[in-house]
N, C-alpha and C. Protein backbone atom coordinates (compact mmCIF):
# COMPACT_ATOMS: atom_id res chain seq x y z
N UNK A 1 -9.79 1.43 21.11
CA UNK A 1 -9.95 2.74 20.47
C UNK A 1 -9.57 2.64 18.99
N UNK A 2 -10.34 3.28 18.17
CA UNK A 2 -10.11 3.26 16.74
C UNK A 2 -8.96 4.19 16.38
N UNK A 3 -8.12 3.71 15.50
CA UNK A 3 -6.98 4.50 15.04
C UNK A 3 -7.47 5.64 14.15
N UNK A 4 -6.92 6.82 14.36
CA UNK A 4 -7.31 7.99 13.56
C UNK A 4 -6.62 7.96 12.20
N UNK A 5 -7.15 8.75 11.29
CA UNK A 5 -6.52 8.86 9.96
C UNK A 5 -5.09 9.38 10.11
N UNK A 6 -4.89 10.31 11.03
CA UNK A 6 -3.54 10.85 11.24
C UNK A 6 -2.58 9.79 11.73
N UNK A 7 -3.05 8.94 12.63
CA UNK A 7 -2.20 7.86 13.14
C UNK A 7 -1.85 6.87 12.04
N UNK A 8 -2.83 6.60 11.16
CA UNK A 8 -2.56 5.68 10.04
C UNK A 8 -1.55 6.29 9.07
N UNK A 9 -1.71 7.59 8.79
CA UNK A 9 -0.76 8.26 7.89
C UNK A 9 0.64 8.19 8.50
N UNK A 10 0.76 8.52 9.76
CA UNK A 10 2.07 8.53 10.41
C UNK A 10 2.69 7.14 10.41
N UNK A 11 1.89 6.12 10.72
CA UNK A 11 2.40 4.75 10.75
C UNK A 11 2.94 4.33 9.38
N UNK A 12 2.18 4.63 8.34
CA UNK A 12 2.61 4.25 6.98
C UNK A 12 3.82 5.07 6.57
N UNK A 13 3.80 6.36 6.89
CA UNK A 13 4.94 7.24 6.55
C UNK A 13 6.22 6.73 7.18
N UNK A 14 6.16 6.39 8.47
CA UNK A 14 7.35 5.90 9.17
C UNK A 14 7.79 4.54 8.63
N UNK A 15 6.83 3.68 8.32
CA UNK A 15 7.16 2.36 7.77
C UNK A 15 7.88 2.50 6.44
N UNK A 16 7.54 3.54 5.69
CA UNK A 16 8.19 3.78 4.39
C UNK A 16 9.45 4.62 4.52
N UNK A 17 9.80 4.99 5.75
CA UNK A 17 11.04 5.72 5.98
C UNK A 17 11.02 7.16 5.54
N UNK A 18 9.86 7.79 5.54
CA UNK A 18 9.75 9.18 5.11
C UNK A 18 9.63 10.10 6.32
N UNK A 19 10.28 11.24 6.23
CA UNK A 19 10.10 12.27 7.26
C UNK A 19 8.81 13.02 6.95
N UNK A 20 8.34 13.78 7.92
CA UNK A 20 7.16 14.61 7.73
C UNK A 20 7.39 15.58 6.57
N UNK A 21 8.56 16.19 6.54
CA UNK A 21 8.91 17.14 5.48
C UNK A 21 8.91 16.46 4.11
N UNK A 22 9.52 15.28 4.02
CA UNK A 22 9.59 14.56 2.74
C UNK A 22 8.20 14.23 2.21
N UNK A 23 7.32 13.75 3.10
CA UNK A 23 5.97 13.41 2.67
C UNK A 23 5.21 14.65 2.24
N UNK A 24 5.31 15.70 3.03
CA UNK A 24 4.60 16.94 2.71
C UNK A 24 5.05 17.50 1.35
N UNK A 25 6.35 17.52 1.13
CA UNK A 25 6.87 18.04 -0.14
C UNK A 25 6.47 17.16 -1.31
N UNK A 26 6.59 15.85 -1.14
CA UNK A 26 6.24 14.93 -2.23
C UNK A 26 4.76 14.99 -2.57
N UNK A 27 3.92 15.14 -1.54
CA UNK A 27 2.47 15.17 -1.76
C UNK A 27 1.98 16.57 -2.10
N UNK A 28 2.87 17.55 -2.00
CA UNK A 28 2.53 18.95 -2.26
C UNK A 28 1.41 19.43 -1.35
N UNK A 29 1.60 19.16 -0.04
CA UNK A 29 0.69 19.65 0.99
C UNK A 29 1.51 20.42 2.01
N UNK A 30 0.84 21.25 2.78
CA UNK A 30 1.55 22.03 3.80
C UNK A 30 2.01 21.12 4.93
N UNK A 31 3.28 21.26 5.28
CA UNK A 31 3.85 20.44 6.35
C UNK A 31 3.09 20.65 7.66
N UNK A 32 2.73 21.89 7.95
CA UNK A 32 2.01 22.18 9.20
C UNK A 32 0.65 21.49 9.21
N UNK A 33 -0.02 21.46 8.07
CA UNK A 33 -1.33 20.81 7.98
C UNK A 33 -1.18 19.30 8.17
N UNK A 34 -0.19 18.71 7.50
CA UNK A 34 0.09 17.28 7.65
C UNK A 34 0.40 16.96 9.11
N UNK A 35 1.20 17.78 9.74
CA UNK A 35 1.54 17.59 11.15
C UNK A 35 0.28 17.63 12.02
N UNK A 36 -0.60 18.59 11.73
CA UNK A 36 -1.85 18.70 12.50
C UNK A 36 -2.74 17.47 12.31
N UNK A 37 -2.76 16.94 11.10
CA UNK A 37 -3.55 15.73 10.85
C UNK A 37 -2.94 14.55 11.62
N UNK A 38 -1.63 14.38 11.52
CA UNK A 38 -0.98 13.27 12.20
C UNK A 38 -1.16 13.34 13.72
N UNK A 39 -1.14 14.55 14.27
CA UNK A 39 -1.27 14.71 15.72
C UNK A 39 -2.72 14.73 16.19
N UNK A 40 -3.67 14.63 15.26
CA UNK A 40 -5.07 14.58 15.63
C UNK A 40 -5.69 15.94 15.90
N UNK A 41 -4.97 17.00 15.59
CA UNK A 41 -5.53 18.35 15.76
C UNK A 41 -6.56 18.61 14.67
N UNK A 42 -6.25 18.14 13.47
CA UNK A 42 -7.17 18.23 12.34
C UNK A 42 -7.64 16.80 12.06
N UNK A 43 -8.92 16.51 12.36
CA UNK A 43 -9.43 15.15 12.23
C UNK A 43 -10.27 14.91 10.98
N UNK A 44 -10.49 15.94 10.20
CA UNK A 44 -11.35 15.79 9.03
C UNK A 44 -10.70 16.42 7.80
N UNK A 45 -9.59 15.83 7.33
CA UNK A 45 -8.91 16.42 6.17
C UNK A 45 -9.75 16.27 4.91
N UNK A 46 -9.51 17.15 3.95
CA UNK A 46 -10.26 17.12 2.69
C UNK A 46 -9.91 15.86 1.90
N UNK A 47 -10.81 15.48 1.02
CA UNK A 47 -10.58 14.31 0.18
C UNK A 47 -9.38 14.54 -0.74
N UNK A 48 -9.16 15.79 -1.16
CA UNK A 48 -8.00 16.10 -2.00
C UNK A 48 -6.70 15.83 -1.23
N UNK A 49 -6.67 16.21 0.04
CA UNK A 49 -5.51 15.95 0.89
C UNK A 49 -5.29 14.44 1.00
N UNK A 50 -6.37 13.71 1.30
CA UNK A 50 -6.27 12.26 1.45
C UNK A 50 -5.77 11.62 0.16
N UNK A 51 -6.27 12.07 -0.97
CA UNK A 51 -5.84 11.52 -2.26
C UNK A 51 -4.36 11.77 -2.50
N UNK A 52 -3.90 12.98 -2.21
CA UNK A 52 -2.48 13.30 -2.41
C UNK A 52 -1.59 12.46 -1.51
N UNK A 53 -1.97 12.31 -0.26
CA UNK A 53 -1.17 11.54 0.69
C UNK A 53 -1.19 10.06 0.30
N UNK A 54 -2.37 9.54 -0.02
CA UNK A 54 -2.48 8.13 -0.40
C UNK A 54 -1.63 7.83 -1.63
N UNK A 55 -1.71 8.71 -2.63
CA UNK A 55 -0.93 8.52 -3.84
C UNK A 55 0.57 8.53 -3.55
N UNK A 56 0.99 9.48 -2.74
CA UNK A 56 2.42 9.59 -2.41
C UNK A 56 2.90 8.39 -1.60
N UNK A 57 2.06 7.90 -0.69
CA UNK A 57 2.44 6.75 0.12
C UNK A 57 2.20 5.43 -0.60
N UNK A 58 1.60 5.50 -1.79
CA UNK A 58 1.30 4.32 -2.60
C UNK A 58 0.38 3.35 -1.85
N UNK A 59 -0.68 3.91 -1.29
CA UNK A 59 -1.71 3.11 -0.64
C UNK A 59 -3.07 3.60 -1.15
N UNK A 60 -4.11 2.84 -0.87
CA UNK A 60 -5.45 3.26 -1.27
C UNK A 60 -5.96 4.33 -0.31
N UNK A 61 -6.93 5.11 -0.78
CA UNK A 61 -7.57 6.08 0.11
C UNK A 61 -8.21 5.36 1.29
N UNK A 62 -8.79 4.20 1.01
CA UNK A 62 -9.44 3.45 2.09
C UNK A 62 -8.45 3.01 3.16
N UNK A 63 -7.22 2.75 2.77
CA UNK A 63 -6.21 2.37 3.77
C UNK A 63 -5.98 3.52 4.75
N UNK A 64 -6.17 4.75 4.29
CA UNK A 64 -6.02 5.90 5.19
C UNK A 64 -7.32 6.22 5.92
N UNK A 65 -8.43 6.12 5.22
CA UNK A 65 -9.71 6.51 5.79
C UNK A 65 -10.25 5.50 6.80
N UNK A 66 -10.00 4.23 6.56
CA UNK A 66 -10.55 3.17 7.39
C UNK A 66 -9.41 2.30 7.88
N UNK A 67 -9.66 1.59 8.95
CA UNK A 67 -8.62 0.73 9.49
C UNK A 67 -8.54 -0.54 8.66
N UNK A 68 -7.71 -0.49 7.64
CA UNK A 68 -7.51 -1.65 6.78
C UNK A 68 -6.10 -2.19 6.97
N UNK A 69 -5.64 -2.15 8.21
CA UNK A 69 -4.29 -2.64 8.50
C UNK A 69 -4.17 -4.12 8.24
N UNK A 70 -5.31 -4.79 8.15
CA UNK A 70 -5.29 -6.22 7.88
C UNK A 70 -5.09 -6.52 6.40
N UNK A 71 -5.08 -5.45 5.57
CA UNK A 71 -4.80 -5.65 4.16
C UNK A 71 -3.43 -6.29 4.02
N UNK A 72 -3.36 -7.26 3.17
CA UNK A 72 -2.11 -7.96 2.99
C UNK A 72 -1.15 -7.11 2.15
N UNK A 73 0.01 -6.88 2.71
CA UNK A 73 1.03 -6.14 1.97
C UNK A 73 1.89 -7.15 1.22
N UNK A 74 2.51 -6.68 0.17
CA UNK A 74 3.36 -7.54 -0.62
C UNK A 74 4.65 -7.80 0.12
N UNK A 75 4.89 -9.05 0.43
CA UNK A 75 6.10 -9.48 1.11
C UNK A 75 7.31 -9.12 0.25
N UNK A 76 8.41 -8.67 0.85
CA UNK A 76 9.59 -8.28 0.06
C UNK A 76 10.11 -9.38 -0.87
N UNK A 77 10.01 -10.64 -0.42
CA UNK A 77 10.47 -11.74 -1.29
C UNK A 77 9.57 -11.87 -2.52
N UNK A 78 8.25 -11.70 -2.31
CA UNK A 78 7.33 -11.75 -3.44
C UNK A 78 7.61 -10.60 -4.39
N UNK A 79 7.84 -9.42 -3.82
CA UNK A 79 8.14 -8.25 -4.66
C UNK A 79 9.40 -8.51 -5.49
N UNK A 80 10.41 -9.11 -4.88
CA UNK A 80 11.65 -9.42 -5.60
C UNK A 80 11.39 -10.42 -6.73
N UNK A 81 10.54 -11.41 -6.45
CA UNK A 81 10.22 -12.40 -7.49
C UNK A 81 9.47 -11.75 -8.66
N UNK A 82 8.55 -10.86 -8.33
CA UNK A 82 7.81 -10.17 -9.39
C UNK A 82 8.75 -9.32 -10.22
N UNK A 83 9.65 -8.61 -9.55
CA UNK A 83 10.62 -7.77 -10.28
C UNK A 83 11.53 -8.65 -11.14
N UNK A 84 11.93 -9.80 -10.62
CA UNK A 84 12.77 -10.72 -11.39
C UNK A 84 12.02 -11.21 -12.63
N UNK A 85 10.76 -11.56 -12.46
CA UNK A 85 9.95 -12.01 -13.60
C UNK A 85 9.83 -10.90 -14.64
N UNK A 86 9.58 -9.68 -14.16
CA UNK A 86 9.45 -8.54 -15.08
C UNK A 86 10.74 -8.29 -15.83
N UNK A 87 11.86 -8.30 -15.12
CA UNK A 87 13.14 -8.01 -15.77
C UNK A 87 13.58 -9.12 -16.71
N UNK A 88 13.07 -10.32 -16.51
CA UNK A 88 13.44 -11.41 -17.41
C UNK A 88 12.53 -11.50 -18.63
N UNK A 89 11.56 -10.56 -18.70
CA UNK A 89 10.73 -10.49 -19.89
C UNK A 89 9.42 -11.25 -19.80
N UNK A 90 9.06 -11.76 -18.63
CA UNK A 90 7.79 -12.46 -18.48
C UNK A 90 6.66 -11.44 -18.54
N UNK A 91 5.71 -11.68 -19.43
CA UNK A 91 4.58 -10.75 -19.57
C UNK A 91 3.52 -11.05 -18.51
N UNK A 92 2.62 -10.11 -18.32
CA UNK A 92 1.52 -10.33 -17.38
C UNK A 92 0.69 -11.53 -17.80
N UNK A 93 0.46 -11.64 -19.10
CA UNK A 93 -0.32 -12.76 -19.61
C UNK A 93 0.36 -14.09 -19.29
N UNK A 94 1.68 -14.15 -19.53
CA UNK A 94 2.42 -15.38 -19.23
C UNK A 94 2.39 -15.70 -17.74
N UNK A 95 2.50 -14.67 -16.92
CA UNK A 95 2.48 -14.87 -15.47
C UNK A 95 1.11 -15.40 -15.03
N UNK A 96 0.03 -14.82 -15.60
CA UNK A 96 -1.32 -15.29 -15.28
C UNK A 96 -1.51 -16.74 -15.73
N UNK A 97 -1.00 -17.07 -16.91
CA UNK A 97 -1.11 -18.45 -17.40
C UNK A 97 -0.37 -19.41 -16.47
N UNK A 98 0.78 -19.00 -15.99
CA UNK A 98 1.53 -19.83 -15.05
C UNK A 98 0.72 -20.06 -13.77
N UNK A 99 0.11 -18.99 -13.26
CA UNK A 99 -0.71 -19.12 -12.04
C UNK A 99 -1.90 -20.05 -12.28
N UNK A 100 -2.54 -19.89 -13.42
CA UNK A 100 -3.67 -20.76 -13.75
C UNK A 100 -3.23 -22.21 -13.84
N UNK A 101 -2.07 -22.45 -14.43
CA UNK A 101 -1.54 -23.82 -14.52
C UNK A 101 -1.27 -24.38 -13.13
N UNK A 102 -0.70 -23.55 -12.25
CA UNK A 102 -0.41 -24.01 -10.89
C UNK A 102 -1.70 -24.35 -10.14
N UNK A 103 -2.75 -23.53 -10.33
CA UNK A 103 -4.05 -23.83 -9.70
C UNK A 103 -4.61 -25.15 -10.24
N UNK A 104 -4.52 -25.34 -11.57
CA UNK A 104 -5.00 -26.56 -12.19
C UNK A 104 -4.23 -27.76 -11.66
N UNK A 105 -2.92 -27.63 -11.58
CA UNK A 105 -2.06 -28.72 -11.10
C UNK A 105 -2.41 -29.08 -9.66
N UNK A 106 -2.60 -28.06 -8.83
CA UNK A 106 -2.94 -28.29 -7.42
C UNK A 106 -4.28 -29.00 -7.32
N UNK A 107 -5.23 -28.57 -8.17
CA UNK A 107 -6.53 -29.20 -8.19
C UNK A 107 -6.42 -30.68 -8.61
N UNK A 108 -5.60 -30.95 -9.63
CA UNK A 108 -5.40 -32.33 -10.09
C UNK A 108 -4.75 -33.17 -9.00
N UNK A 109 -3.75 -32.60 -8.32
CA UNK A 109 -3.07 -33.33 -7.25
C UNK A 109 -4.03 -33.66 -6.13
N UNK A 110 -4.93 -32.75 -5.80
CA UNK A 110 -5.87 -33.00 -4.70
C UNK A 110 -6.91 -34.06 -5.10
N UNK A 111 -7.21 -34.19 -6.39
CA UNK A 111 -8.15 -35.21 -6.87
C UNK A 111 -7.51 -36.60 -6.84
N UNK A 112 -6.19 -36.65 -6.97
CA UNK A 112 -5.48 -37.92 -7.02
C UNK A 112 -5.13 -38.46 -5.63
N UNK A 113 -5.48 -37.72 -4.62
CA UNK A 113 -5.14 -38.18 -3.26
C UNK A 113 -6.18 -39.13 -2.74
């Protein structure tokens, strides 16, 4: 059975540690309406509702509309490394250059095998 939009919202909300009230208030939507969506009573929420919920949960609209549970989430260790790089003053450009160098190095290593 395909997961409903309400089930996806509830799963993400709980994973982020938010109560129904907290999400409704943060997204500026009616708590009763959000509850109805999560429980499958309302199966066709407006795009404005979906946008508000997605933005508040920091996910894409597609993550709510479609079963994209296979989307790779950022591992907490990776998130910590990114935050460490940011706080130490590494720019996006420098980070991209580092990644490009690592790809080049890996490619060179594989050619030398």
